[in-house]
Amino acid sequence: MVKPAAIDKKKLFTLLEKLGYINRTRGGTYMVFERPGNVKKIMIRQLSELTPALLNDILVKVSDQTEISVENLKSMMNEP
């Protein structure tokens, strides 16, 4: 089995910041992003690789909170 290539987390973090998420990480295992007005937080394990499946799960959560489609979020991630 071929392992899927890891995705650069910096692109995801930049996208979250563009969408108004605030990095509330205080050390520990997870990076925590909150968006004012949303109850749910986006939590990302710091030590794990960002695989396409994990990225999709995170983008689905972001899409639910922002009402931006997953496809649009993916294209926004690839913008310079």
N, C-alpha and C. Protein backbone atom coordinates (compact mmCIF):
# COMPACT_ATOMS: atom_id res chain seq x y z
N MET A 1 0.83 -1.19 0.00
CA MET A 1 0.00 0.00 0.00
C MET A 1 0.87 1.25 0.00
N VAL A 2 0.49 2.19 -0.82
CA VAL A 2 1.23 3.45 -0.89
C VAL A 2 0.57 4.44 0.07
N LYS A 3 1.39 5.04 0.88
CA LYS A 3 0.91 6.03 1.85
C LYS A 3 0.67 7.35 1.13
N PRO A 4 -0.51 7.99 1.31
CA PRO A 4 -0.75 9.27 0.63
C PRO A 4 0.21 10.35 1.14
N ALA A 5 0.54 11.25 0.26
CA ALA A 5 1.47 12.33 0.62
C ALA A 5 0.84 13.25 1.65
N ALA A 6 1.64 13.68 2.60
CA ALA A 6 1.17 14.61 3.63
C ALA A 6 0.98 15.99 3.00
N ILE A 7 0.03 16.72 3.53
CA ILE A 7 -0.28 18.06 3.04
C ILE A 7 0.33 19.07 4.01
N ASP A 8 0.78 20.18 3.47
CA ASP A 8 1.40 21.21 4.29
C ASP A 8 0.36 21.85 5.21
N LYS A 9 0.56 21.71 6.52
CA LYS A 9 -0.39 22.25 7.49
C LYS A 9 -0.43 23.78 7.45
N LYS A 10 0.66 24.40 7.03
CA LYS A 10 0.69 25.87 7.00
C LYS A 10 -0.39 26.42 6.08
N LYS A 11 -0.65 25.72 4.97
CA LYS A 11 -1.70 26.17 4.05
C LYS A 11 -3.06 26.13 4.74
N LEU A 12 -3.31 25.07 5.50
CA LEU A 12 -4.57 24.96 6.22
C LEU A 12 -4.68 26.04 7.28
N PHE A 13 -3.60 26.27 8.03
CA PHE A 13 -3.62 27.27 9.08
C PHE A 13 -3.86 28.67 8.50
N THR A 14 -3.24 28.96 7.36
CA THR A 14 -3.43 30.25 6.69
C THR A 14 -4.88 30.41 6.27
N LEU A 15 -5.48 29.35 5.73
CA LEU A 15 -6.88 29.39 5.32
C LEU A 15 -7.78 29.66 6.52
N LEU A 16 -7.54 28.97 7.63
CA LEU A 16 -8.36 29.17 8.82
C LEU A 16 -8.26 30.61 9.32
N GLU A 17 -7.06 31.17 9.28
CA GLU A 17 -6.89 32.56 9.72
C GLU A 17 -7.62 33.53 8.79
N LYS A 18 -7.59 33.25 7.47
CA LYS A 18 -8.31 34.10 6.51
C LYS A 18 -9.81 34.08 6.79
N LEU A 19 -10.31 32.95 7.27
CA LEU A 19 -11.75 32.80 7.53
C LEU A 19 -12.15 33.31 8.92
N GLY A 20 -11.21 33.88 9.66
CA GLY A 20 -11.54 34.47 10.94
C GLY A 20 -11.33 33.58 12.14
N TYR A 21 -10.69 32.43 11.94
CA TYR A 21 -10.40 31.55 13.07
C TYR A 21 -9.19 32.08 13.83
N ILE A 22 -9.20 31.90 15.13
CA ILE A 22 -8.12 32.35 16.00
C ILE A 22 -7.44 31.13 16.60
N ASN A 23 -6.12 31.10 16.51
CA ASN A 23 -5.35 29.98 17.06
C ASN A 23 -5.30 30.13 18.58
N ARG A 24 -5.96 29.21 19.28
CA ARG A 24 -6.03 29.25 20.75
C ARG A 24 -5.17 28.16 21.38
N THR A 25 -4.17 27.69 20.66
CA THR A 25 -3.32 26.61 21.15
C THR A 25 -2.49 27.09 22.34
N ARG A 26 -2.49 26.28 23.39
CA ARG A 26 -1.73 26.59 24.59
C ARG A 26 -0.78 25.44 24.92
N GLY A 27 -0.19 24.85 23.91
CA GLY A 27 0.65 23.68 24.12
C GLY A 27 -0.23 22.44 24.10
N GLY A 28 0.34 21.31 24.37
CA GLY A 28 -0.44 20.08 24.38
C GLY A 28 -0.41 19.36 23.05
N THR A 29 -1.29 18.41 22.92
CA THR A 29 -1.32 17.53 21.76
C THR A 29 -2.03 18.13 20.55
N TYR A 30 -3.02 18.98 20.79
CA TYR A 30 -3.85 19.50 19.71
C TYR A 30 -3.66 20.99 19.49
N MET A 31 -3.76 21.40 18.22
CA MET A 31 -3.87 22.82 17.89
C MET A 31 -5.37 23.12 17.89
N VAL A 32 -5.76 24.21 18.50
CA VAL A 32 -7.17 24.54 18.65
C VAL A 32 -7.44 25.87 17.94
N PHE A 33 -8.42 25.85 17.04
CA PHE A 33 -8.83 27.06 16.33
C PHE A 33 -10.28 27.35 16.65
N GLU A 34 -10.57 28.59 17.03
CA GLU A 34 -11.93 29.01 17.33
C GLU A 34 -12.32 30.16 16.42
N ARG A 35 -13.60 30.23 16.14
CA ARG A 35 -14.12 31.32 15.33
C ARG A 35 -15.18 32.02 16.16
N PRO A 36 -15.05 33.33 16.35
CA PRO A 36 -16.05 34.05 17.15
C PRO A 36 -17.46 33.79 16.63
N GLY A 37 -18.36 33.48 17.54
CA GLY A 37 -19.75 33.19 17.17
C GLY A 37 -20.03 31.72 16.96
N ASN A 38 -19.00 30.89 16.87
CA ASN A 38 -19.20 29.44 16.70
C ASN A 38 -18.92 28.75 18.02
N VAL A 39 -19.73 27.77 18.35
CA VAL A 39 -19.56 27.02 19.59
C VAL A 39 -18.48 25.96 19.42
N LYS A 40 -18.46 25.31 18.27
CA LYS A 40 -17.51 24.21 18.04
C LYS A 40 -16.13 24.74 17.69
N LYS A 41 -15.12 23.99 18.11
CA LYS A 41 -13.73 24.31 17.83
C LYS A 41 -13.20 23.34 16.79
N ILE A 42 -12.19 23.76 16.06
CA ILE A 42 -11.48 22.89 15.14
C ILE A 42 -10.21 22.46 15.86
N MET A 43 -10.04 21.16 16.06
CA MET A 43 -8.87 20.65 16.77
C MET A 43 -8.07 19.77 15.81
N ILE A 44 -6.77 20.03 15.75
CA ILE A 44 -5.88 19.30 14.84
C ILE A 44 -4.71 18.77 15.64
N ARG A 45 -4.48 17.46 15.56
CA ARG A 45 -3.33 16.87 16.27
C ARG A 45 -2.04 17.46 15.72
N GLN A 46 -1.18 17.91 16.62
CA GLN A 46 0.06 18.56 16.19
C GLN A 46 1.06 17.57 15.61
N LEU A 47 1.10 16.36 16.12
CA LEU A 47 2.13 15.42 15.72
C LEU A 47 1.75 14.57 14.51
N SER A 48 0.47 14.53 14.17
CA SER A 48 0.06 13.67 13.05
C SER A 48 0.23 14.40 11.72
N GLU A 49 0.41 13.61 10.67
CA GLU A 49 0.50 14.18 9.32
C GLU A 49 -0.90 14.55 8.86
N LEU A 50 -0.97 15.56 8.02
CA LEU A 50 -2.24 16.00 7.47
C LEU A 50 -2.47 15.25 6.16
N THR A 51 -3.21 14.15 6.23
CA THR A 51 -3.49 13.33 5.05
C THR A 51 -4.71 13.91 4.32
N PRO A 52 -4.92 13.51 3.06
CA PRO A 52 -6.10 13.99 2.34
C PRO A 52 -7.41 13.67 3.07
N ALA A 53 -7.50 12.51 3.70
CA ALA A 53 -8.74 12.15 4.41
C ALA A 53 -8.95 13.05 5.63
N LEU A 54 -7.89 13.30 6.38
CA LEU A 54 -7.99 14.17 7.55
C LEU A 54 -8.30 15.60 7.12
N LEU A 55 -7.66 16.07 6.06
CA LEU A 55 -7.93 17.40 5.54
C LEU A 55 -9.40 17.52 5.15
N ASN A 56 -9.94 16.50 4.49
CA ASN A 56 -11.34 16.54 4.09
C ASN A 56 -12.25 16.62 5.31
N ASP A 57 -11.96 15.85 6.36
CA ASP A 57 -12.75 15.90 7.60
C ASP A 57 -12.74 17.30 8.20
N ILE A 58 -11.57 17.93 8.23
CA ILE A 58 -11.46 19.28 8.79
C ILE A 58 -12.23 20.27 7.92
N LEU A 59 -12.09 20.16 6.60
CA LEU A 59 -12.78 21.09 5.70
C LEU A 59 -14.29 20.94 5.77
N VAL A 60 -14.79 19.73 6.03
CA VAL A 60 -16.23 19.53 6.21
C VAL A 60 -16.71 20.28 7.45
N LYS A 61 -15.93 20.22 8.53
CA LYS A 61 -16.29 20.96 9.76
C LYS A 61 -16.27 22.46 9.51
N VAL A 62 -15.24 22.93 8.81
CA VAL A 62 -15.14 24.36 8.50
C VAL A 62 -16.30 24.77 7.59
N SER A 63 -16.64 23.93 6.63
CA SER A 63 -17.75 24.22 5.72
C SER A 63 -19.07 24.33 6.48
N ASP A 64 -19.28 23.45 7.46
CA ASP A 64 -20.50 23.52 8.27
C ASP A 64 -20.59 24.83 9.04
N GLN A 65 -19.45 25.35 9.48
CA GLN A 65 -19.43 26.57 10.28
C GLN A 65 -19.46 27.84 9.44
N THR A 66 -18.90 27.79 8.24
CA THR A 66 -18.78 29.00 7.41
C THR A 66 -19.75 29.02 6.24
N GLU A 67 -20.38 27.89 5.93
CA GLU A 67 -21.28 27.75 4.79
C GLU A 67 -20.57 27.98 3.46
N ILE A 68 -19.26 27.72 3.43
CA ILE A 68 -18.48 27.73 2.19
C ILE A 68 -18.27 26.28 1.80
N SER A 69 -18.49 25.94 0.54
CA SER A 69 -18.38 24.54 0.13
C SER A 69 -16.95 24.02 0.29
N VAL A 70 -16.84 22.72 0.46
CA VAL A 70 -15.55 22.07 0.62
C VAL A 70 -14.68 22.31 -0.62
N GLU A 71 -15.28 22.27 -1.79
CA GLU A 71 -14.53 22.50 -3.03
C GLU A 71 -13.94 23.91 -3.05
N ASN A 72 -14.75 24.90 -2.63
CA ASN A 72 -14.24 26.27 -2.59
C ASN A 72 -13.13 26.42 -1.55
N LEU A 73 -13.27 25.75 -0.42
CA LEU A 73 -12.23 25.80 0.61
C LEU A 73 -10.93 25.21 0.09
N LYS A 74 -11.03 24.09 -0.64
CA LYS A 74 -9.82 23.48 -1.20
C LYS A 74 -9.15 24.41 -2.21
N SER A 75 -9.95 25.07 -3.04
CA SER A 75 -9.34 26.00 -4.02
C SER A 75 -8.75 27.22 -3.31
N MET A 76 -9.38 27.66 -2.21
CA MET A 76 -8.83 28.78 -1.45
C MET A 76 -7.49 28.40 -0.81
N MET A 77 -7.35 27.14 -0.41
CA MET A 77 -6.09 26.67 0.18
C MET A 77 -4.95 26.73 -0.83
N ASN A 78 -5.27 26.52 -2.10
CA ASN A 78 -4.23 26.46 -3.14
C ASN A 78 -3.89 27.82 -3.70
N GLU A 79 -4.61 28.88 -3.26
CA GLU A 79 -4.27 30.23 -3.71
C GLU A 79 -2.96 30.68 -3.07
N PRO A 80 -2.17 31.45 -3.79
CA PRO A 80 -0.89 31.92 -3.22
C PRO A 80 -1.09 32.92 -2.10
